[in-house]
Amino acid sequence: MTPANPAPTFATALKAWHAKPGRTRKWGAMALCVPRSTYDGWCAGNPCGQERAMRKLMVMIDDAEKAGWRQPSALMRRMDKRVATCREGDE
């Protein structure tokens, strides 16, 4: 039995996500930290091995914007600092 309201495909979800005002495919690729060519491929229906994680990240970015973040770059700078800190601890 199929669900009454199945989740949209990842490609459809991405297109709807970056179609919001002030967003573009370039913005989407940057926000998800993937190359533009990868993002375009996902929008075209290519499989994403990390689809579940990417969908969660999309929700987190939307929630962050609702809380006052206006640019993914600010979020990315914080994430980069955390990643750098984690990498320093690995050495």
C-alpha atoms as a PDB file:
ATOM      1  CA  MET A   1       0.000   0.000   0.000  1.00  0.00           C
ATOM      2  CA  THR A   2       1.386   3.399  -0.958  1.00  0.00           C
ATOM      3  CA  PRO A   3       1.186   6.393   1.364  1.00  0.00           C
ATOM      4  CA  ALA A   4      -1.696   8.780   0.729  1.00  0.00           C
ATOM      5  CA  ASN A   5       0.656  11.766   0.506  1.00  0.00           C
ATOM      6  CA  PRO A   6       4.123  10.602  -0.573  1.00  0.00           C
ATOM      7  CA  ALA A   7       7.086  12.925  -0.102  1.00  0.00           C
ATOM      8  CA  PRO A   8       8.130  14.824  -3.229  1.00  0.00           C
ATOM      9  CA  THR A   9      11.169  13.604  -5.105  1.00  0.00           C
ATOM     10  CA  PHE A  10      14.451  15.163  -4.069  1.00  0.00           C
ATOM     11  CA  ALA A  11      14.630  17.059  -7.384  1.00  0.00           C
ATOM     12  CA  THR A  12      11.160  18.518  -6.831  1.00  0.00           C
ATOM     13  CA  ALA A  13      12.002  19.439  -3.234  1.00  0.00           C
ATOM     14  CA  LEU A  14      15.221  21.197  -4.313  1.00  0.00           C
ATOM     15  CA  LYS A  15      13.460  23.156  -7.039  1.00  0.00           C
ATOM     16  CA  ALA A  16      10.769  24.314  -4.623  1.00  0.00           C
ATOM     17  CA  TRP A  17      13.408  25.147  -2.002  1.00  0.00           C
ATOM     18  CA  HIS A  18      15.508  27.411  -4.210  1.00  0.00           C
ATOM     19  CA  ALA A  19      12.418  28.929  -5.872  1.00  0.00           C
ATOM     20  CA  LYS A  20      11.641  30.924  -2.719  1.00  0.00           C
ATOM     21  CA  PRO A  21      12.192  34.699  -3.005  1.00  0.00           C
ATOM     22  CA  GLY A  22      15.844  35.714  -2.940  1.00  0.00           C
ATOM     23  CA  ARG A  23      17.125  32.231  -3.747  1.00  0.00           C
ATOM     24  CA  THR A  24      18.741  30.757  -6.837  1.00  0.00           C
ATOM     25  CA  ARG A  25      20.394  27.487  -7.793  1.00  0.00           C
ATOM     26  CA  LYS A  26      23.740  29.113  -7.055  1.00  0.00           C
ATOM     27  CA  TRP A  27      22.449  30.015  -3.577  1.00  0.00           C
ATOM     28  CA  GLY A  28      21.186  26.460  -3.052  1.00  0.00           C
ATOM     29  CA  ALA A  29      24.514  24.913  -4.015  1.00  0.00           C
ATOM     30  CA  MET A  30      26.385  27.264  -1.710  1.00  0.00           C
ATOM     31  CA  ALA A  31      23.970  26.689   1.176  1.00  0.00           C
ATOM     32  CA  LEU A  32      24.316  22.904   0.878  1.00  0.00           C
ATOM     33  CA  CYS A  33      28.110  23.137   0.389  1.00  0.00           C
ATOM     34  CA  VAL A  34      28.129  21.274  -2.909  1.00  0.00           C
ATOM     35  CA  PRO A  35      29.433  22.251  -6.350  1.00  0.00           C
ATOM     36  CA  ARG A  36      26.896  23.920  -8.606  1.00  0.00           C
ATOM     37  CA  SER A  37      27.204  21.056 -11.098  1.00  0.00           C
ATOM     38  CA  THR A  38      26.247  18.550  -8.380  1.00  0.00           C
ATOM     39  CA  TYR A  39      23.270  20.671  -7.335  1.00  0.00           C
ATOM     40  CA  ASP A  40      22.150  21.002 -10.966  1.00  0.00           C
ATOM     41  CA  GLY A  41      22.439  17.236 -11.372  1.00  0.00           C
ATOM     42  CA  TRP A  42      20.257  16.629  -8.332  1.00  0.00           C
ATOM     43  CA  CYS A  43      17.696  19.091  -9.708  1.00  0.00           C
ATOM     44  CA  ALA A  44      17.741  17.110 -12.952  1.00  0.00           C
ATOM     45  CA  GLY A  45      16.927  13.920 -11.050  1.00  0.00           C
ATOM     46  CA  ASN A  46      20.364  12.406 -10.508  1.00  0.00           C
ATOM     47  CA  PRO A  47      20.573  10.358  -7.304  1.00  0.00           C
ATOM     48  CA  CYS A  48      21.959  11.869  -4.110  1.00  0.00           C
ATOM     49  CA  GLY A  49      23.680   9.466  -1.749  1.00  0.00           C
ATOM     50  CA  GLN A  50      23.106  11.858   1.147  1.00  0.00           C
ATOM     51  CA  GLU A  51      19.504  12.774   0.343  1.00  0.00           C
ATOM     52  CA  ARG A  52      18.197  12.340   3.875  1.00  0.00           C
ATOM     53  CA  ALA A  53      20.960  14.504   5.351  1.00  0.00           C
ATOM     54  CA  MET A  54      20.510  17.145   2.638  1.00  0.00           C
ATOM     55  CA  ARG A  55      16.756  17.321   3.289  1.00  0.00           C
ATOM     56  CA  LYS A  56      17.471  17.829   7.003  1.00  0.00           C
ATOM     57  CA  LEU A  57      20.022  20.528   6.205  1.00  0.00           C
ATOM     58  CA  MET A  58      17.479  22.294   3.986  1.00  0.00           C
ATOM     59  CA  VAL A  59      15.024  22.357   6.902  1.00  0.00           C
ATOM     60  CA  MET A  60      17.744  23.634   9.246  1.00  0.00           C
ATOM     61  CA  ILE A  61      18.616  26.450   6.837  1.00  0.00           C
ATOM     62  CA  ASP A  62      14.938  27.406   6.506  1.00  0.00           C
ATOM     63  CA  ASP A  63      14.585  27.403  10.298  1.00  0.00           C
ATOM     64  CA  ALA A  64      17.739  29.516  10.681  1.00  0.00           C
ATOM     65  CA  GLU A  65      16.381  32.067   8.223  1.00  0.00           C
ATOM     66  CA  LYS A  66      13.085  32.229  10.113  1.00  0.00           C
ATOM     67  CA  ALA A  67      15.095  32.899  13.271  1.00  0.00           C
ATOM     68  CA  GLY A  68      16.814  35.877  11.681  1.00  0.00           C
ATOM     69  CA  TRP A  69      19.637  34.594   9.481  1.00  0.00           C
ATOM     70  CA  ARG A  70      19.393  36.309   6.137  1.00  0.00           C
ATOM     71  CA  GLN A  71      22.379  34.937   4.284  1.00  0.00           C
ATOM     72  CA  PRO A  72      23.575  31.380   4.109  1.00  0.00           C
ATOM     73  CA  SER A  73      27.103  32.761   4.024  1.00  0.00           C
ATOM     74  CA  ALA A  74      26.817  33.736   7.699  1.00  0.00           C
ATOM     75  CA  LEU A  75      25.733  30.209   8.535  1.00  0.00           C
ATOM     76  CA  MET A  76      28.499  28.787   6.350  1.00  0.00           C
ATOM     77  CA  ARG A  77      31.163  30.888   8.123  1.00  0.00           C
ATOM     78  CA  ARG A  78      30.080  29.481  11.478  1.00  0.00           C
ATOM     79  CA  MET A  79      30.033  25.950  10.106  1.00  0.00           C
ATOM     80  CA  ASP A  80      33.501  26.426   8.569  1.00  0.00           C
ATOM     81  CA  LYS A  81      34.869  27.548  11.941  1.00  0.00           C
ATOM     82  CA  ARG A  82      33.417  24.467  13.631  1.00  0.00           C
ATOM     83  CA  VAL A  83      34.797  22.154  10.956  1.00  0.00           C
ATOM     84  CA  ALA A  84      38.234  23.789  11.259  1.00  0.00           C
ATOM     85  CA  THR A  85      38.092  23.371  15.040  1.00  0.00           C
ATOM     86  CA  CYS A  86      37.196  19.700  14.652  1.00  0.00           C
ATOM     87  CA  ARG A  87      40.025  19.167  12.184  1.00  0.00           C
ATOM     88  CA  GLU A  88      42.520  20.798  14.543  1.00  0.00           C
ATOM     89  CA  GLY A  89      41.484  18.337  17.222  1.00  0.00           C
ATOM     90  CA  ASP A  90      42.108  15.396  14.855  1.00  0.00           C
ATOM     91  CA  GLU A  91      45.757  16.254  14.340  1.00  0.00           C
END
